[in-house]
PDB file of all heavy atoms in Angstrom:
ATOM      1  N   ALA A   1       4.879   5.807  10.093  1.00  0.00           N
ATOM      2  CA  ALA A   1       5.246   5.705   8.661  1.00  0.00           C
ATOM      3  C   ALA A   1       5.952   4.398   8.328  1.00  0.00           C
ATOM      4  O   ALA A   1       7.088   4.306   8.834  1.00  0.00           O
ATOM      5  CB  ALA A   1       6.038   6.934   8.254  1.00  0.00           C
ATOM      6  N   PRO A   2       5.385   3.547   7.478  1.00  0.00           N
ATOM      7  CA  PRO A   2       6.089   2.438   7.096  1.00  0.00           C
ATOM      8  C   PRO A   2       7.307   2.786   6.218  1.00  0.00           C
ATOM      9  O   PRO A   2       7.214   3.648   5.325  1.00  0.00           O
ATOM     10  CB  PRO A   2       5.136   1.602   6.231  1.00  0.00           C
ATOM     11  CG  PRO A   2       3.737   2.216   6.579  1.00  0.00           C
ATOM     12  CD  PRO A   2       4.035   3.659   6.952  1.00  0.00           C
ATOM     13  N   THR A   3       8.455   2.130   6.550  1.00  0.00           N
ATOM     14  CA  THR A   3       9.604   2.441   5.707  1.00  0.00           C
ATOM     15  C   THR A   3       9.448   1.756   4.397  1.00  0.00           C
ATOM     16  O   THR A   3       8.587   0.848   4.153  1.00  0.00           O
ATOM     17  CB  THR A   3      10.854   1.796   6.402  1.00  0.00           C
ATOM     18  OG1 THR A   3      10.736   0.380   6.516  1.00  0.00           O
ATOM     19  CG2 THR A   3      11.046   2.486   7.746  1.00  0.00           C
ATOM     20  N   ASP A   4      10.452   2.008   3.447  1.00  0.00           N
ATOM     21  CA  ASP A   4      10.382   1.419   2.129  1.00  0.00           C
ATOM     22  C   ASP A   4      10.546  -0.151   2.294  1.00  0.00           C
ATOM     23  O   ASP A   4       9.816  -0.917   1.583  1.00  0.00           O
ATOM     24  CB  ASP A   4      11.560   1.912   1.304  1.00  0.00           C
ATOM     25  CG  ASP A   4      11.329   3.306   0.891  1.00  0.00           C
ATOM     26  OD1 ASP A   4      10.173   3.826   0.821  1.00  0.00           O
ATOM     27  OD2 ASP A   4      12.334   4.027   0.650  1.00  0.00           O
ATOM     28  N   GLU A   5      11.284  -0.620   3.292  1.00  0.00           N
ATOM     29  CA  GLU A   5      11.464  -2.057   3.538  1.00  0.00           C
ATOM     30  C   GLU A   5      10.110  -2.655   3.995  1.00  0.00           C
ATOM     31  O   GLU A   5       9.796  -3.802   3.656  1.00  0.00           O
ATOM     32  CB  GLU A   5      12.531  -2.292   4.619  1.00  0.00           C
ATOM     33  CG  GLU A   5      13.943  -2.095   4.084  1.00  0.00           C
ATOM     34  CD  GLU A   5      14.311  -2.962   2.933  1.00  0.00           C
ATOM     35  OE1 GLU A   5      14.070  -4.208   3.091  1.00  0.00           O
ATOM     36  OE2 GLU A   5      14.797  -2.472   1.881  1.00  0.00           O
ATOM     37  N   ALA A   6       9.316  -1.896   4.776  1.00  0.00           N
ATOM     38  CA  ALA A   6       7.991  -2.371   5.223  1.00  0.00           C
ATOM     39  C   ALA A   6       7.048  -2.632   4.017  1.00  0.00           C
ATOM     40  O   ALA A   6       6.321  -3.599   3.972  1.00  0.00           O
ATOM     41  CB  ALA A   6       7.393  -1.335   6.208  1.00  0.00           C
ATOM     42  N   PHE A   7       7.104  -1.695   3.012  1.00  0.00           N
ATOM     43  CA  PHE A   7       6.258  -1.836   1.856  1.00  0.00           C
ATOM     44  C   PHE A   7       6.663  -3.093   1.092  1.00  0.00           C
ATOM     45  O   PHE A   7       5.880  -3.764   0.431  1.00  0.00           O
ATOM     46  CB  PHE A   7       6.198  -0.617   1.061  1.00  0.00           C
ATOM     47  CG  PHE A   7       5.244   0.471   1.458  1.00  0.00           C
ATOM     48  CD1 PHE A   7       5.676   1.501   2.278  1.00  0.00           C
ATOM     49  CD2 PHE A   7       3.923   0.321   1.219  1.00  0.00           C
ATOM     50  CE1 PHE A   7       4.803   2.420   2.731  1.00  0.00           C
ATOM     51  CE2 PHE A   7       3.015   1.347   1.588  1.00  0.00           C
ATOM     52  CZ  PHE A   7       3.449   2.391   2.364  1.00  0.00           C
ATOM     53  N   LYS A   8       7.952  -3.451   1.114  1.00  0.00           N
ATOM     54  CA  LYS A   8       8.486  -4.549   0.309  1.00  0.00           C
ATOM     55  C   LYS A   8       7.954  -5.873   0.960  1.00  0.00           C
ATOM     56  O   LYS A   8       7.957  -6.902   0.230  1.00  0.00           O
ATOM     57  CB  LYS A   8       9.995  -4.608   0.245  1.00  0.00           C
ATOM     58  CG  LYS A   8      10.569  -3.524  -0.534  1.00  0.00           C
ATOM     59  CD  LYS A   8      12.121  -3.542  -0.500  1.00  0.00           C
ATOM     60  CE  LYS A   8      12.720  -2.347  -1.341  1.00  0.00           C
ATOM     61  NZ  LYS A   8      14.137  -2.268  -1.202  1.00  0.00           N
ATOM     62  N   LYS A   9       7.431  -5.874   2.157  1.00  0.00           N
ATOM     63  CA  LYS A   9       7.030  -7.088   2.803  1.00  0.00           C
ATOM     64  C   LYS A   9       5.509  -7.437   2.424  1.00  0.00           C
ATOM     65  O   LYS A   9       5.016  -8.489   2.648  1.00  0.00           O
ATOM     66  CB  LYS A   9       7.020  -6.895   4.411  1.00  0.00           C
ATOM     67  CG  LYS A   9       8.373  -6.813   4.905  1.00  0.00           C
ATOM     68  CD  LYS A   9       8.285  -6.660   6.492  1.00  0.00           C
ATOM     69  CE  LYS A   9       9.645  -6.494   7.140  1.00  0.00           C
ATOM     70  NZ  LYS A   9       9.480  -6.168   8.520  1.00  0.00           N
ATOM     71  N   LEU A  10       4.798  -6.432   1.727  1.00  0.00           N
ATOM     72  CA  LEU A  10       3.459  -6.698   1.272  1.00  0.00           C
ATOM     73  C   LEU A  10       3.553  -7.841   0.210  1.00  0.00           C
ATOM     74  O   LEU A  10       4.520  -8.028  -0.498  1.00  0.00           O
ATOM     75  CB  LEU A  10       2.877  -5.446   0.652  1.00  0.00           C
ATOM     76  CG  LEU A  10       2.616  -4.358   1.589  1.00  0.00           C
ATOM     77  CD1 LEU A  10       2.079  -3.049   0.831  1.00  0.00           C
ATOM     78  CD2 LEU A  10       1.523  -4.692   2.651  1.00  0.00           C
ATOM     79  N   THR A  11       2.384  -8.534   0.098  1.00  0.00           N
ATOM     80  CA  THR A  11       2.369  -9.612  -0.933  1.00  0.00           C
ATOM     81  C   THR A  11       2.529  -8.976  -2.316  1.00  0.00           C
ATOM     82  O   THR A  11       2.124  -7.804  -2.483  1.00  0.00           O
ATOM     83  CB  THR A  11       1.049 -10.342  -0.807  1.00  0.00           C
ATOM     84  OG1 THR A  11      -0.072  -9.471  -0.994  1.00  0.00           O
ATOM     85  CG2 THR A  11       0.860 -11.058   0.457  1.00  0.00           C
ATOM     86  N   ALA A  12       3.033  -9.768  -3.166  1.00  0.00           N
ATOM     87  CA  ALA A  12       3.286  -9.234  -4.578  1.00  0.00           C
ATOM     88  C   ALA A  12       2.029  -8.683  -5.144  1.00  0.00           C
ATOM     89  O   ALA A  12       0.995  -9.320  -5.140  1.00  0.00           O
ATOM     90  CB  ALA A  12       3.820 -10.382  -5.401  1.00  0.00           C
ATOM     91  N   GLY A  13       2.117  -7.477  -5.651  1.00  0.00           N
ATOM     92  CA  GLY A  13       0.934  -6.828  -6.332  1.00  0.00           C
ATOM     93  C   GLY A  13       0.032  -6.016  -5.450  1.00  0.00           C
ATOM     94  O   GLY A  13      -0.799  -5.306  -5.912  1.00  0.00           O
ATOM     95  N   ALA A  14       0.187  -6.269  -4.127  1.00  0.00           N
ATOM     96  CA  ALA A  14      -0.733  -5.577  -3.129  1.00  0.00           C
ATOM     97  C   ALA A  14      -0.602  -4.001  -3.234  1.00  0.00           C
ATOM     98  O   ALA A  14      -1.667  -3.351  -3.235  1.00  0.00           O
ATOM     99  CB  ALA A  14      -0.525  -6.066  -1.766  1.00  0.00           C
ATOM    100  N   TYR A  15       0.593  -3.559  -3.285  1.00  0.00           N
ATOM    101  CA  TYR A  15       0.791  -2.113  -3.319  1.00  0.00           C
ATOM    102  C   TYR A  15       0.241  -1.555  -4.633  1.00  0.00           C
ATOM    103  O   TYR A  15      -0.500  -0.490  -4.662  1.00  0.00           O
ATOM    104  CB  TYR A  15       2.233  -1.744  -3.179  1.00  0.00           C
ATOM    105  CG  TYR A  15       2.500  -0.270  -3.141  1.00  0.00           C
ATOM    106  CD1 TYR A  15       2.086   0.591  -2.197  1.00  0.00           C
ATOM    107  CD2 TYR A  15       3.174   0.297  -4.322  1.00  0.00           C
ATOM    108  CE1 TYR A  15       2.271   1.933  -2.229  1.00  0.00           C
ATOM    109  CE2 TYR A  15       3.461   1.686  -4.289  1.00  0.00           C
ATOM    110  CZ  TYR A  15       2.986   2.486  -3.278  1.00  0.00           C
ATOM    111  OH  TYR A  15       3.229   3.861  -3.352  1.00  0.00           O
ATOM    112  N   ASP A  16       0.543  -2.189  -5.766  1.00  0.00           N
ATOM    113  CA  ASP A  16      -0.043  -1.762  -7.040  1.00  0.00           C
ATOM    114  C   ASP A  16      -1.490  -1.743  -7.089  1.00  0.00           C
ATOM    115  O   ASP A  16      -2.112  -0.856  -7.646  1.00  0.00           O
ATOM    116  CB  ASP A  16       0.576  -2.596  -8.243  1.00  0.00           C
ATOM    117  CG  ASP A  16       2.099  -2.411  -8.339  1.00  0.00           C
ATOM    118  OD1 ASP A  16       2.658  -1.352  -8.019  1.00  0.00           O
ATOM    119  OD2 ASP A  16       2.764  -3.370  -8.825  1.00  0.00           O
ATOM    120  N   SER A  17      -2.066  -2.736  -6.454  1.00  0.00           N
ATOM    121  CA  SER A  17      -3.555  -2.818  -6.384  1.00  0.00           C
ATOM    122  C   SER A  17      -4.117  -1.647  -5.602  1.00  0.00           C
ATOM    123  O   SER A  17      -5.135  -1.070  -5.913  1.00  0.00           O
ATOM    124  CB  SER A  17      -3.923  -4.170  -5.731  1.00  0.00           C
ATOM    125  OG  SER A  17      -5.306  -4.303  -5.679  1.00  0.00           O
ATOM    126  N   LEU A  18      -3.422  -1.318  -4.466  1.00  0.00           N
ATOM    127  CA  LEU A  18      -3.856  -0.192  -3.648  1.00  0.00           C
ATOM    128  C   LEU A  18      -3.778   1.130  -4.423  1.00  0.00           C
ATOM    129  O   LEU A  18      -4.710   1.960  -4.287  1.00  0.00           O
ATOM    130  CB  LEU A  18      -2.912  -0.085  -2.443  1.00  0.00           C
ATOM    131  CG  LEU A  18      -3.387  -0.467  -1.101  1.00  0.00           C
ATOM    132  CD1 LEU A  18      -2.432  -0.151  -0.019  1.00  0.00           C
ATOM    133  CD2 LEU A  18      -4.773   0.072  -0.733  1.00  0.00           C
ATOM    134  N   LEU A  19      -2.713   1.299  -5.201  1.00  0.00           N
ATOM    135  CA  LEU A  19      -2.586   2.529  -5.960  1.00  0.00           C
ATOM    136  C   LEU A  19      -3.745   2.765  -6.984  1.00  0.00           C
ATOM    137  O   LEU A  19      -4.058   3.829  -7.369  1.00  0.00           O
ATOM    138  CB  LEU A  19      -1.270   2.539  -6.741  1.00  0.00           C
ATOM    139  CG  LEU A  19      -0.013   2.767  -5.856  1.00  0.00           C
ATOM    140  CD1 LEU A  19       1.247   2.697  -6.747  1.00  0.00           C
ATOM    141  CD2 LEU A  19       0.021   4.070  -5.096  1.00  0.00           C
ATOM    142  N   LYS A  20      -4.327   1.617  -7.360  1.00  0.00           N
ATOM    143  CA  LYS A  20      -5.475   1.665  -8.297  1.00  0.00           C
ATOM    144  C   LYS A  20      -6.784   2.003  -7.637  1.00  0.00           C
ATOM    145  O   LYS A  20      -7.765   2.357  -8.316  1.00  0.00           O
ATOM    146  CB  LYS A  20      -5.605   0.446  -9.127  1.00  0.00           C
ATOM    147  CG  LYS A  20      -4.391   0.192 -10.033  1.00  0.00           C
ATOM    148  CD  LYS A  20      -4.485  -1.112 -10.706  1.00  0.00           C
ATOM    149  CE  LYS A  20      -3.107  -1.360 -11.461  1.00  0.00           C
ATOM    150  NZ  LYS A  20      -2.963  -2.756 -11.898  1.00  0.00           N
ATOM    151  N   ASP A  21      -6.849   1.898  -6.372  1.00  0.00           N
ATOM    152  CA  ASP A  21      -8.072   2.130  -5.614  1.00  0.00           C
ATOM    153  C   ASP A  21      -7.728   3.298  -4.529  1.00  0.00           C
ATOM    154  O   ASP A  21      -7.478   2.976  -3.352  1.00  0.00           O
ATOM    155  CB  ASP A  21      -8.510   0.839  -4.872  1.00  0.00           C
ATOM    156  CG  ASP A  21      -9.787   1.043  -4.046  1.00  0.00           C
ATOM    157  OD1 ASP A  21     -10.280   2.175  -3.853  1.00  0.00           O
ATOM    158  OD2 ASP A  21     -10.323  -0.022  -3.648  1.00  0.00           O
ATOM    159  N   THR A  22      -7.828   4.516  -4.945  1.00  0.00           N
ATOM    160  CA  THR A  22      -7.437   5.654  -4.133  1.00  0.00           C
ATOM    161  C   THR A  22      -8.194   5.712  -2.875  1.00  0.00           C
ATOM    162  O   THR A  22      -7.700   6.212  -1.863  1.00  0.00           O
ATOM    163  CB  THR A  22      -7.441   6.925  -4.971  1.00  0.00           C
ATOM    164  OG1 THR A  22      -8.737   7.150  -5.431  1.00  0.00           O
ATOM    165  CG2 THR A  22      -6.401   7.065  -6.025  1.00  0.00           C
ATOM    166  N   GLY A  23      -9.447   5.302  -2.826  1.00  0.00           N
ATOM    167  CA  GLY A  23     -10.313   5.336  -1.669  1.00  0.00           C
ATOM    168  C   GLY A  23      -9.753   4.413  -0.644  1.00  0.00           C
ATOM    169  O   GLY A  23      -9.568   4.785   0.562  1.00  0.00           O
ATOM    170  N   LYS A  24      -9.378   3.232  -0.980  1.00  0.00           N
ATOM    171  CA  LYS A  24      -8.786   2.245  -0.023  1.00  0.00           C
ATOM    172  C   LYS A  24      -7.384   2.693   0.357  1.00  0.00           C
ATOM    173  O   LYS A  24      -7.023   2.607   1.526  1.00  0.00           O
ATOM    174  CB  LYS A  24      -8.722   0.830  -0.624  1.00  0.00           C
ATOM    175  CG  LYS A  24      -8.345  -0.227   0.356  1.00  0.00           C
ATOM    176  CD  LYS A  24      -8.711  -1.600  -0.008  1.00  0.00           C
ATOM    177  CE  LYS A  24      -8.411  -2.582   1.153  1.00  0.00           C
ATOM    178  NZ  LYS A  24      -8.885  -3.885   0.809  1.00  0.00           N
ATOM    179  N   LEU A  25      -6.591   3.281  -0.546  1.00  0.00           N
ATOM    180  CA  LEU A  25      -5.227   3.743  -0.304  1.00  0.00           C
ATOM    181  C   LEU A  25      -5.320   4.843   0.779  1.00  0.00           C
ATOM    182  O   LEU A  25      -4.563   4.813   1.709  1.00  0.00           O
ATOM    183  CB  LEU A  25      -4.592   4.270  -1.530  1.00  0.00           C
ATOM    184  CG  LEU A  25      -3.164   4.895  -1.431  1.00  0.00           C
ATOM    185  CD1 LEU A  25      -2.199   3.865  -0.846  1.00  0.00           C
ATOM    186  CD2 LEU A  25      -2.683   5.421  -2.717  1.00  0.00           C
ATOM    187  N   LYS A  26      -6.251   5.747   0.603  1.00  0.00           N
ATOM    188  CA  LYS A  26      -6.424   6.871   1.518  1.00  0.00           C
ATOM    189  C   LYS A  26      -6.805   6.348   2.907  1.00  0.00           C
ATOM    190  O   LYS A  26      -6.306   6.731   3.856  1.00  0.00           O
ATOM    191  CB  LYS A  26      -7.540   7.874   0.981  1.00  0.00           C
ATOM    192  CG  LYS A  26      -7.559   9.084   1.808  1.00  0.00           C
ATOM    193  CD  LYS A  26      -8.555  10.039   1.196  1.00  0.00           C
ATOM    194  CE  LYS A  26      -8.610  11.391   1.925  1.00  0.00           C
ATOM    195  NZ  LYS A  26      -9.411  12.402   1.300  1.00  0.00           N
ATOM    196  N   ALA A  27      -7.695   5.291   2.952  1.00  0.00           N
ATOM    197  CA  ALA A  27      -8.130   4.752   4.217  1.00  0.00           C
ATOM    198  C   ALA A  27      -6.915   4.032   4.922  1.00  0.00           C
ATOM    199  O   ALA A  27      -6.724   4.204   6.095  1.00  0.00           O
ATOM    200  CB  ALA A  27      -9.249   3.812   4.008  1.00  0.00           C
ATOM    201  N   VAL A  28      -6.183   3.324   4.169  1.00  0.00           N
ATOM    202  CA  VAL A  28      -4.984   2.657   4.678  1.00  0.00           C
ATOM    203  C   VAL A  28      -4.008   3.613   5.282  1.00  0.00           C
ATOM    204  O   VAL A  28      -3.527   3.475   6.408  1.00  0.00           O
ATOM    205  CB  VAL A  28      -4.362   1.657   3.649  1.00  0.00           C
ATOM    206  CG1 VAL A  28      -2.972   1.182   4.140  1.00  0.00           C
ATOM    207  CG2 VAL A  28      -5.273   0.486   3.400  1.00  0.00           C
ATOM    208  N   LEU A  29      -3.738   4.650   4.498  1.00  0.00           N
ATOM    209  CA  LEU A  29      -2.670   5.658   5.003  1.00  0.00           C
ATOM    210  C   LEU A  29      -3.258   6.436   6.216  1.00  0.00           C
ATOM    211  O   LEU A  29      -2.467   6.659   7.166  1.00  0.00           O
ATOM    212  CB  LEU A  29      -2.309   6.659   3.872  1.00  0.00           C
ATOM    213  CG  LEU A  29      -1.610   6.018   2.648  1.00  0.00           C
ATOM    214  CD1 LEU A  29      -1.477   6.978   1.549  1.00  0.00           C
ATOM    215  CD2 LEU A  29      -0.285   5.470   3.056  1.00  0.00           C
ATOM    216  N   ASN A  30      -4.510   6.790   6.251  1.00  0.00           N
ATOM    217  CA  ASN A  30      -5.098   7.494   7.352  1.00  0.00           C
ATOM    218  C   ASN A  30      -5.110   6.584   8.631  1.00  0.00           C
ATOM    219  O   ASN A  30      -5.160   7.098   9.725  1.00  0.00           O
ATOM    220  CB  ASN A  30      -6.495   7.949   7.016  1.00  0.00           C
ATOM    221  CG  ASN A  30      -6.485   9.268   6.374  1.00  0.00           C
ATOM    222  OD1 ASN A  30      -5.708  10.124   6.684  1.00  0.00           O
ATOM    223  ND2 ASN A  30      -7.502   9.525   5.522  1.00  0.00           N
TER     224      ASN A  30
END
């Protein structure tokens, strides 16, 4: 499990972009 700090290392907007694509989000989490 990535910590909150780990998610902050993503490029700006990458996490928000993932949230809009649930298929890719699910694949990344799996």
